[in-house]
Amino acid sequence: YVSLEEYSYSRWPPYVTAGAYILSQRSLKLLYVSSLYTFNFRFDDIFLGMAAQKAELSLLHSNEFYFSRKPYSIENYKWVIACHEWGDPDELHSMWTEQLAHGYA
């Protein structure tokens, strides 16, 4: 629950979901400066969205960010940018090594 006192708008700004995102150095600098003048909201995703909006940065979506583990195969991970839920470091390293050997990492 978020009260109107805490956030007075009826909709969230466009925002990035936690985990991973890609941005240029210029965008990073703009985001940093705007964050200094943005209310410190408790949800980091929304806070970054508010700072990005203040910096007039456009957010783009990519289907190659996964919040749950995508079934692994060499071809399945060819274009993956980020994927959560790899709990076993050895398994992650093995997957990474295999992707690297095929020129995908």
Protein backbone atom coordinates (compact mmCIF):
# COMPACT_ATOMS: atom_id res chain seq x y z
CA TYR A 1 0.00 0.00 0.00
CA VAL A 2 1.23 3.48 -0.89
CA SER A 3 -0.67 6.44 0.47
CA LEU A 4 -1.38 9.59 -1.53
CA GLU A 5 0.79 11.47 0.95
CA GLU A 6 3.72 9.26 0.01
CA TYR A 7 3.05 9.29 -3.75
CA SER A 8 0.44 11.75 -4.98
CA TYR A 9 0.05 10.52 -8.56
CA SER A 10 -2.44 7.93 -9.79
CA ARG A 11 0.14 6.00 -11.86
CA TRP A 12 3.77 5.05 -11.54
CA PRO A 13 6.18 6.68 -13.97
CA PRO A 14 7.77 4.43 -16.58
CA TYR A 15 10.37 2.50 -14.60
CA VAL A 16 13.01 -0.19 -14.84
CA THR A 17 12.52 -3.32 -12.82
CA ALA A 18 15.28 -4.32 -10.46
CA GLY A 19 18.06 -6.63 -11.42
CA ALA A 20 19.78 -5.30 -14.49
CA TYR A 21 19.71 -2.47 -16.96
CA ILE A 22 22.02 -0.98 -19.55
CA LEU A 23 22.71 2.70 -20.00
CA SER A 24 25.29 4.97 -21.54
CA GLN A 25 27.78 6.96 -19.49
CA ARG A 26 25.92 10.14 -20.45
CA SER A 27 22.62 8.69 -19.26
CA LEU A 28 24.25 7.48 -16.05
CA LYS A 29 25.50 11.00 -15.31
CA LEU A 30 22.09 12.52 -16.06
CA LEU A 31 20.38 9.90 -13.90
CA TYR A 32 22.81 10.51 -11.05
CA VAL A 33 22.31 14.28 -11.08
CA SER A 34 18.53 14.01 -11.31
CA SER A 35 18.52 11.47 -8.46
CA LEU A 36 20.03 14.12 -6.19
CA TYR A 37 16.89 16.20 -6.74
CA THR A 38 14.36 13.36 -6.60
CA PHE A 39 12.39 12.43 -3.51
CA ASN A 40 13.93 9.31 -1.96
CA PHE A 41 11.05 6.92 -2.60
CA ARG A 42 11.08 3.52 -0.84
CA PHE A 43 10.73 1.43 -4.02
CA ASP A 44 14.02 1.65 -5.88
CA ASP A 45 12.44 0.76 -9.24
CA ILE A 46 9.99 3.64 -8.97
CA PHE A 47 12.65 5.98 -7.62
CA LEU A 48 14.82 5.31 -10.69
CA GLY A 49 11.78 5.85 -12.90
CA MET A 50 11.11 9.21 -11.26
CA ALA A 51 14.77 10.21 -11.63
CA ALA A 52 14.82 9.07 -15.28
CA GLN A 53 11.65 11.05 -15.98
CA LYS A 54 13.18 14.12 -14.35
CA ALA A 55 16.31 13.67 -16.51
CA GLU A 56 14.08 13.26 -19.59
CA LEU A 57 15.51 9.81 -20.31
CA SER A 58 13.46 7.39 -22.38
CA LEU A 59 13.22 3.83 -21.12
CA LEU A 60 13.22 0.96 -23.59
CA HIS A 61 12.20 -2.62 -22.91
CA SER A 62 14.12 -5.73 -23.95
CA ASN A 63 12.76 -9.26 -23.77
CA GLU A 64 16.27 -10.55 -23.09
CA PHE A 65 16.15 -9.72 -19.35
CA TYR A 66 14.68 -12.61 -17.36
CA PHE A 67 13.37 -12.40 -13.79
CA SER A 68 13.02 -16.13 -13.45
CA ARG A 69 15.39 -18.72 -14.74
CA LYS A 70 14.93 -19.48 -18.40
CA PRO A 71 15.38 -23.17 -19.32
CA TYR A 72 19.00 -23.55 -20.34
CA SER A 73 20.29 -24.58 -23.72
CA ILE A 74 23.10 -23.06 -25.74
CA GLU A 75 20.68 -21.63 -28.29
CA ASN A 76 18.17 -20.48 -25.62
CA TYR A 77 20.80 -18.23 -24.02
CA LYS A 78 22.35 -16.89 -27.20
CA TRP A 79 20.91 -13.38 -26.70
CA VAL A 80 20.14 -13.34 -22.96
CA ILE A 81 21.38 -10.16 -21.28
CA ALA A 82 20.51 -11.02 -17.68
CA CYS A 83 18.77 -13.88 -15.91
CA HIS A 84 17.92 -14.36 -12.23
CA GLU A 85 17.73 -17.53 -10.15
CA TRP A 86 21.10 -19.09 -10.87
CA GLY A 87 21.75 -20.28 -7.32
CA ASP A 88 24.68 -22.62 -7.94
CA PRO A 89 27.87 -20.69 -8.83
CA ASP A 90 29.44 -23.77 -10.42
CA GLU A 91 26.44 -24.30 -12.66
CA LEU A 92 26.46 -20.62 -13.64
CA HIS A 93 30.18 -20.78 -14.42
CA SER A 94 29.67 -23.90 -16.52
CA MET A 95 26.87 -22.24 -18.49
CA TRP A 96 28.97 -19.10 -18.99
CA THR A 97 31.98 -21.13 -20.17
CA GLU A 98 29.78 -23.01 -22.63
CA GLN A 99 28.27 -19.77 -23.97
CA LEU A 100 31.75 -18.26 -24.28
CA ALA A 101 33.00 -21.28 -26.23
CA HIS A 102 30.17 -20.75 -28.74
CA GLY A 103 30.88 -17.03 -29.08
CA TYR A 104 27.74 -15.90 -27.25
CA ALA A 105 29.35 -14.42 -24.14
